[in-house]
Protein backbone atom coordinates (compact mmCIF):
# COMPACT_ATOMS: atom_id res chain seq x y z
CA MET A 1 13.20 -8.17 26.29
CA LYS A 2 10.33 -7.48 23.79
CA ILE A 3 9.24 -10.70 22.05
CA CYS A 4 6.80 -10.71 18.90
CA PHE A 5 4.07 -13.46 18.31
CA PRO A 6 2.41 -14.24 15.24
CA THR A 7 -1.09 -14.93 16.12
CA GLU A 8 -4.47 -15.26 14.11
CA THR A 9 -6.74 -13.05 16.60
CA LEU A 10 -5.61 -9.92 18.39
CA SER A 11 -6.47 -11.48 22.13
CA GLY A 12 -3.58 -10.43 24.20
CA LEU A 13 -1.36 -12.75 26.09
CA ASN A 14 -4.29 -15.57 25.56
CA SER A 15 -3.73 -15.06 21.82
CA MET A 16 -2.76 -18.66 20.38
CA VAL A 17 0.57 -18.69 18.69
CA PHE A 18 -0.16 -18.92 14.70
CA GLU A 19 2.04 -21.38 12.79
CA HIS A 20 3.83 -19.38 10.30
CA PHE A 21 5.41 -15.76 10.76
CA GLY A 22 4.61 -14.10 7.18
CA SER A 23 0.70 -15.39 6.60
CA ALA A 24 0.05 -14.55 10.54
CA PRO A 25 -2.58 -12.00 10.39
CA ALA A 26 -1.33 -10.34 13.45
CA PHE A 27 0.98 -10.22 15.86
CA VAL A 28 1.44 -9.52 19.83
CA ILE A 29 4.40 -8.04 21.21
CA VAL A 30 5.20 -8.55 24.96
CA ASP A 31 7.84 -6.62 27.16
CA THR A 32 8.75 -9.39 29.27
CA ASP A 33 10.10 -7.08 32.11
CA SER A 34 6.56 -4.91 32.63
CA MET A 35 4.22 -7.19 30.60
CA LYS A 36 3.10 -4.58 28.54
CA VAL A 37 1.39 -6.00 25.49
CA GLU A 38 1.12 -4.43 21.98
CA GLU A 39 -1.10 -5.88 19.41
CA VAL A 40 -0.25 -5.22 15.62
CA GLN A 41 -1.92 -6.12 12.51
CA ASN A 42 0.43 -7.74 10.13
CA GLY A 43 1.58 -4.78 7.42
CA ASP A 44 2.96 -7.54 4.86
CA LEU A 45 0.17 -10.04 4.78
CA HIS A 46 -0.39 -10.23 1.07
CA HIS A 47 3.35 -11.02 -0.21
CA SER A 48 4.57 -13.66 -2.40
CA HIS A 49 5.77 -16.84 -0.82
CA GLY A 50 9.44 -16.45 0.08
CA MET A 51 9.31 -12.35 -0.34
CA CYS A 52 8.30 -11.69 3.68
CA GLN A 53 9.46 -8.27 4.57
CA PRO A 54 9.35 -9.16 8.65
CA LEU A 55 10.08 -5.64 9.69
CA LYS A 56 7.71 -4.45 7.35
CA ALA A 57 5.12 -6.92 8.89
CA LEU A 58 5.75 -5.40 12.31
CA GLY A 59 5.20 -2.04 11.04
CA GLY A 60 8.59 -0.79 12.25
CA ARG A 61 8.43 -1.35 15.40
CA ALA A 62 11.30 -2.47 17.53
CA VAL A 63 11.44 -6.14 19.01
CA ASP A 64 14.24 -8.16 20.73
CA ALA A 65 13.16 -11.77 19.53
CA ILE A 66 10.33 -13.42 17.72
CA ALA A 67 8.65 -17.04 18.54
CA VAL A 68 6.89 -18.52 15.96
CA SER A 69 6.38 -22.29 15.19
CA GLY A 70 7.21 -21.67 11.29
CA ILE A 71 9.01 -19.30 9.40
CA GLY A 72 10.96 -19.23 5.79
CA MET A 73 14.81 -19.14 5.42
CA GLY A 74 14.54 -15.57 4.00
CA ALA A 75 12.94 -14.06 6.90
CA LEU A 76 14.90 -15.93 9.48
CA SER A 77 17.81 -14.35 7.58
CA LYS A 78 16.51 -11.00 7.54
CA LEU A 79 15.50 -11.10 11.26
CA GLN A 80 18.81 -12.49 12.43
CA ALA A 81 21.01 -10.29 10.27
CA GLN A 82 18.89 -7.46 12.31
CA GLY A 83 20.36 -9.06 15.64
CA ILE A 84 16.64 -10.41 16.22
CA ARG A 85 16.72 -13.78 18.04
CA VAL A 86 13.95 -16.08 16.20
CA TYR A 87 12.54 -18.60 19.03
CA ARG A 88 10.95 -21.84 18.03
CA ALA A 89 7.33 -21.73 19.86
CA ALA A 90 5.37 -24.45 21.31
CA ASN A 91 1.54 -24.84 20.49
CA GLY A 92 -0.28 -22.90 23.00
CA THR A 93 -1.06 -19.07 23.81
CA VAL A 94 1.33 -16.33 24.01
CA GLN A 95 1.29 -16.40 27.91
CA GLN A 96 2.93 -19.97 27.75
CA ASN A 97 5.30 -19.03 25.38
CA VAL A 98 6.25 -16.18 26.99
CA ASP A 99 6.82 -18.44 30.35
CA LEU A 100 8.87 -21.07 28.41
CA VAL A 101 11.36 -17.82 27.34
CA LYS A 102 11.45 -16.90 30.65
CA ASN A 103 12.43 -20.24 31.89
CA GLY A 104 14.80 -20.59 29.03
CA LYS A 105 13.12 -23.97 27.88
CA LEU A 106 12.15 -22.36 24.24
CA PRO A 107 14.97 -23.24 22.00
CA GLN A 108 16.30 -20.81 19.12
CA PHE A 109 15.09 -21.86 15.84
CA ASP A 110 17.31 -23.83 13.87
CA ALA A 111 17.55 -23.15 10.18
CA ARG A 112 17.14 -26.92 8.99
CA PHE A 113 13.00 -26.76 10.50
CA THR A 114 12.66 -23.48 7.92
CA CYS A 115 9.32 -23.68 5.82
CA ALA A 116 10.45 -24.24 1.97
CA GLY A 117 6.78 -24.19 1.12
CA HIS A 118 3.84 -25.88 1.37
CA ALA A 119 2.79 -27.37 -2.09
CA ALA A 120 6.67 -28.95 -1.86
CA GLY A 121 5.87 -30.50 1.68
CA GLY A 122 9.30 -28.67 2.88
CA CYS A 123 7.43 -27.25 6.16
CA GLY A 124 9.79 -28.76 8.82
CA HIS A 125 7.68 -27.81 11.83
CA CYS A 126 4.22 -29.45 10.38
């Protein structure tokens, strides 16, 4: 399974998972079968709030899942409509979150925890 993690820096499996999908500077994609790592700059970094284009952000790369601490309802819906699972990431590194997914301990993201905007204080993960 290929899982994408939003990150602030590109440090492979040691990258810390970034809190928000759309505003993450970069992404680390891990193939959990081979543990091959691909690093990608966010191709949609400067979008308006609520206008995130997740597949554009990934530069068209195909993934099976995304693991993130925070994501807006629009991005979550777009990903789910494409058949991409969205997991609620734990604080920590990409490697720690990969281990959690492999052990079935990372829950799928629930819509009630999506970000409604920070100015409104509507971030469910904060």
